[in-house]
């Protein structure tokens, strides 16, 4: 199945040339969880807020084909 992923904050740095606001289409196995998507993208879920079709989701939530996922990396510093 395919999902569309938009990255915000530092998560986008993992993908050189990524244009803010554009979606990456990712193919993952049927019934994959949010944690599986992050493993596929090789990014850490820690320190991120994730939404799927506009709803905040957890690492063990299952994705559906065509889901739009937004990954917001929390900012650190001072």
N, C-alpha and C. Protein backbone atom coordinates (compact mmCIF):
# COMPACT_ATOMS: atom_id res chain seq x y z
N UNK A 1 0.85 -1.17 0.00
CA UNK A 1 0.00 0.00 0.00
C UNK A 1 0.89 1.24 0.00
N UNK A 2 0.31 2.36 -0.33
CA UNK A 2 1.07 3.61 -0.39
C UNK A 2 0.46 4.64 0.55
N UNK A 3 1.34 5.39 1.22
CA UNK A 3 0.93 6.51 2.05
C UNK A 3 1.73 7.73 1.61
N UNK A 4 1.17 8.91 1.89
CA UNK A 4 1.87 10.15 1.57
C UNK A 4 2.35 10.77 2.87
N UNK A 5 3.62 11.16 2.90
CA UNK A 5 4.23 11.67 4.13
C UNK A 5 4.77 13.08 3.88
N UNK A 6 4.38 14.00 4.78
CA UNK A 6 4.95 15.34 4.78
C UNK A 6 5.76 15.49 6.05
N UNK A 7 6.95 16.04 5.91
CA UNK A 7 7.88 16.19 7.03
C UNK A 7 8.04 17.67 7.38
N UNK A 8 7.98 17.95 8.67
CA UNK A 8 8.14 19.32 9.15
C UNK A 8 9.22 19.34 10.23
N UNK A 9 10.00 20.40 10.26
CA UNK A 9 11.08 20.51 11.24
C UNK A 9 12.29 19.70 10.84
N UNK A 10 13.01 19.20 11.83
CA UNK A 10 14.28 18.52 11.56
C UNK A 10 14.12 17.17 10.87
N UNK A 11 12.94 16.57 10.88
CA UNK A 11 12.73 15.29 10.20
C UNK A 11 13.04 15.40 8.71
N UNK A 12 12.81 16.55 8.14
CA UNK A 12 13.05 16.73 6.70
C UNK A 12 14.53 16.74 6.34
N UNK A 13 15.41 16.98 7.32
CA UNK A 13 16.84 17.03 7.05
C UNK A 13 17.40 15.68 6.61
N UNK A 14 16.70 14.62 6.91
CA UNK A 14 17.12 13.26 6.54
C UNK A 14 17.05 13.03 5.03
N UNK A 15 16.32 13.91 4.33
CA UNK A 15 16.08 13.74 2.90
C UNK A 15 16.58 14.96 2.13
N UNK A 16 17.84 14.93 1.68
CA UNK A 16 18.39 16.07 0.94
C UNK A 16 17.50 16.39 -0.26
N UNK A 17 17.24 17.67 -0.45
CA UNK A 17 16.42 18.10 -1.57
C UNK A 17 14.94 18.10 -1.28
N UNK A 18 14.55 17.65 -0.07
CA UNK A 18 13.13 17.64 0.28
C UNK A 18 12.62 19.07 0.32
N UNK A 19 11.49 19.32 -0.33
CA UNK A 19 10.90 20.65 -0.34
C UNK A 19 9.77 20.68 0.68
N UNK A 20 9.89 21.61 1.62
CA UNK A 20 8.91 21.74 2.70
C UNK A 20 7.49 21.80 2.14
N UNK A 21 6.62 21.01 2.73
CA UNK A 21 5.23 21.02 2.32
C UNK A 21 4.88 20.01 1.24
N UNK A 22 5.89 19.42 0.60
CA UNK A 22 5.62 18.42 -0.43
C UNK A 22 5.55 17.04 0.22
N UNK A 23 4.75 16.18 -0.32
CA UNK A 23 4.61 14.83 0.22
C UNK A 23 5.55 13.86 -0.47
N UNK A 24 6.04 12.92 0.32
CA UNK A 24 6.81 11.80 -0.20
C UNK A 24 5.85 10.61 -0.24
N UNK A 25 5.78 9.95 -1.37
CA UNK A 25 4.94 8.75 -1.45
C UNK A 25 5.79 7.55 -1.03
N UNK A 26 5.32 6.81 -0.03
CA UNK A 26 6.07 5.69 0.53
C UNK A 26 5.25 4.42 0.40
N UNK A 27 5.88 3.37 -0.09
CA UNK A 27 5.21 2.08 -0.17
C UNK A 27 5.59 1.25 1.05
N UNK A 28 4.57 0.78 1.75
CA UNK A 28 4.76 -0.04 2.95
C UNK A 28 3.83 -1.25 2.88
N UNK A 29 4.11 -2.29 3.66
CA UNK A 29 3.25 -3.48 3.64
C UNK A 29 1.82 -3.17 4.13
N UNK A 30 0.85 -3.94 3.69
CA UNK A 30 -0.51 -3.81 4.19
C UNK A 30 -0.50 -3.97 5.71
N UNK A 31 -1.37 -3.24 6.38
CA UNK A 31 -1.53 -3.28 7.85
C UNK A 31 -0.28 -2.81 8.59
N UNK A 32 0.57 -2.03 7.94
CA UNK A 32 1.76 -1.50 8.61
C UNK A 32 1.35 -0.48 9.67
N UNK A 33 2.16 -0.39 10.70
CA UNK A 33 1.93 0.56 11.78
C UNK A 33 2.78 1.81 11.55
N UNK A 34 2.48 2.84 12.31
CA UNK A 34 3.27 4.07 12.25
C UNK A 34 4.74 3.75 12.48
N UNK A 35 5.06 2.90 13.45
CA UNK A 35 6.46 2.56 13.73
C UNK A 35 7.11 1.89 12.52
N UNK A 36 6.36 1.12 11.73
CA UNK A 36 6.89 0.49 10.53
C UNK A 36 7.24 1.54 9.47
N UNK A 37 6.38 2.54 9.36
CA UNK A 37 6.64 3.64 8.42
C UNK A 37 7.93 4.35 8.80
N UNK A 38 8.11 4.64 10.08
CA UNK A 38 9.33 5.33 10.53
C UNK A 38 10.57 4.47 10.28
N UNK A 39 10.45 3.18 10.49
CA UNK A 39 11.58 2.28 10.21
C UNK A 39 11.90 2.30 8.72
N UNK A 40 10.88 2.32 7.88
CA UNK A 40 11.07 2.37 6.44
C UNK A 40 11.79 3.66 6.03
N UNK A 41 11.42 4.76 6.67
CA UNK A 41 12.03 6.06 6.37
C UNK A 41 13.38 6.25 7.05
N UNK A 42 13.71 5.34 7.97
CA UNK A 42 14.95 5.41 8.73
C UNK A 42 15.06 6.71 9.53
N UNK A 43 13.95 7.08 10.18
CA UNK A 43 13.95 8.23 11.08
C UNK A 43 13.37 7.79 12.42
N UNK A 44 13.69 8.52 13.46
CA UNK A 44 13.24 8.18 14.81
C UNK A 44 11.87 8.78 15.07
N UNK A 45 11.03 7.98 15.69
CA UNK A 45 9.70 8.48 16.06
C UNK A 45 9.77 9.30 17.35
N UNK A 46 10.82 9.11 18.15
CA UNK A 46 10.96 9.86 19.39
C UNK A 46 11.13 11.33 19.09
N UNK A 47 10.44 12.15 19.84
CA UNK A 47 10.54 13.59 19.65
C UNK A 47 9.69 14.09 18.50
N UNK A 48 8.75 13.27 18.03
CA UNK A 48 7.89 13.67 16.92
C UNK A 48 6.42 13.57 17.30
N UNK A 49 5.64 14.44 16.73
CA UNK A 49 4.19 14.34 16.80
C UNK A 49 3.75 13.92 15.41
N UNK A 50 2.91 12.90 15.34
CA UNK A 50 2.52 12.34 14.05
C UNK A 50 1.00 12.40 13.92
N UNK A 51 0.54 12.86 12.77
CA UNK A 51 -0.89 12.83 12.48
C UNK A 51 -1.12 11.99 11.23
N UNK A 52 -2.27 11.34 11.20
CA UNK A 52 -2.69 10.56 10.03
C UNK A 52 -4.10 11.03 9.68
N UNK A 53 -4.24 11.57 8.49
CA UNK A 53 -5.52 12.13 8.05
C UNK A 53 -6.10 13.10 9.08
N UNK A 54 -5.22 13.92 9.68
CA UNK A 54 -5.64 14.98 10.58
C UNK A 54 -5.82 14.59 12.04
N UNK A 55 -5.56 13.34 12.40
CA UNK A 55 -5.71 12.88 13.78
C UNK A 55 -4.35 12.47 14.33
N UNK A 56 -4.07 12.89 15.57
CA UNK A 56 -2.83 12.49 16.23
C UNK A 56 -2.84 10.98 16.41
N UNK A 57 -1.73 10.33 16.06
CA UNK A 57 -1.63 8.88 16.15
C UNK A 57 -0.43 8.47 16.99
N UNK A 58 -0.45 7.22 17.41
CA UNK A 58 0.62 6.63 18.22
C UNK A 58 1.41 5.63 17.37
N UNK A 59 2.54 5.20 17.86
CA UNK A 59 3.44 4.31 17.13
C UNK A 59 2.79 3.00 16.71
N UNK A 60 1.86 2.48 17.49
CA UNK A 60 1.25 1.19 17.18
C UNK A 60 -0.05 1.28 16.39
N UNK A 61 -0.44 2.49 15.98
CA UNK A 61 -1.63 2.64 15.16
C UNK A 61 -1.37 2.13 13.74
N UNK A 62 -2.37 1.46 13.18
CA UNK A 62 -2.25 0.86 11.85
C UNK A 62 -2.65 1.86 10.79
N UNK A 63 -1.88 1.88 9.71
CA UNK A 63 -2.14 2.78 8.59
C UNK A 63 -3.02 2.10 7.54
N UNK A 64 -3.73 2.91 6.77
CA UNK A 64 -4.53 2.42 5.66
C UNK A 64 -3.95 2.96 4.37
N UNK A 65 -4.24 2.29 3.28
CA UNK A 65 -3.77 2.73 1.97
C UNK A 65 -4.27 4.14 1.69
N UNK A 66 -3.38 5.00 1.21
CA UNK A 66 -3.74 6.36 0.83
C UNK A 66 -3.74 7.36 1.97
N UNK A 67 -3.37 6.92 3.16
CA UNK A 67 -3.34 7.81 4.32
C UNK A 67 -2.33 8.94 4.11
N UNK A 68 -2.69 10.12 4.57
CA UNK A 68 -1.79 11.27 4.54
C UNK A 68 -1.21 11.43 5.94
N UNK A 69 0.11 11.27 6.06
CA UNK A 69 0.80 11.33 7.35
C UNK A 69 1.65 12.59 7.41
N UNK A 70 1.53 13.32 8.52
CA UNK A 70 2.37 14.49 8.76
C UNK A 70 3.24 14.22 9.97
N UNK A 71 4.53 14.50 9.83
CA UNK A 71 5.49 14.27 10.91
C UNK A 71 6.05 15.63 11.34
N UNK A 72 5.78 15.99 12.59
CA UNK A 72 6.25 17.25 13.15
C UNK A 72 7.34 16.94 14.17
N UNK A 73 8.56 17.35 13.88
CA UNK A 73 9.67 17.15 14.81
C UNK A 73 9.65 18.26 15.84
N UNK A 74 9.78 17.88 17.11
CA UNK A 74 9.84 18.87 18.16
C UNK A 74 11.19 19.57 18.10
N UNK A 75 11.21 20.82 18.44
CA UNK A 75 12.44 21.61 18.40
C UNK A 75 13.08 21.66 19.78
N UNK A 76 14.38 21.64 19.78
CA UNK A 76 15.14 21.72 21.03
C UNK A 76 16.06 22.93 20.96
N UNK A 77 16.46 23.38 22.10
CA UNK A 77 17.42 24.49 22.12
C UNK A 77 17.05 25.50 23.17
N UNK A 78 17.74 26.59 23.15
CA UNK A 78 17.42 27.60 24.13
C UNK A 78 18.26 28.82 23.93
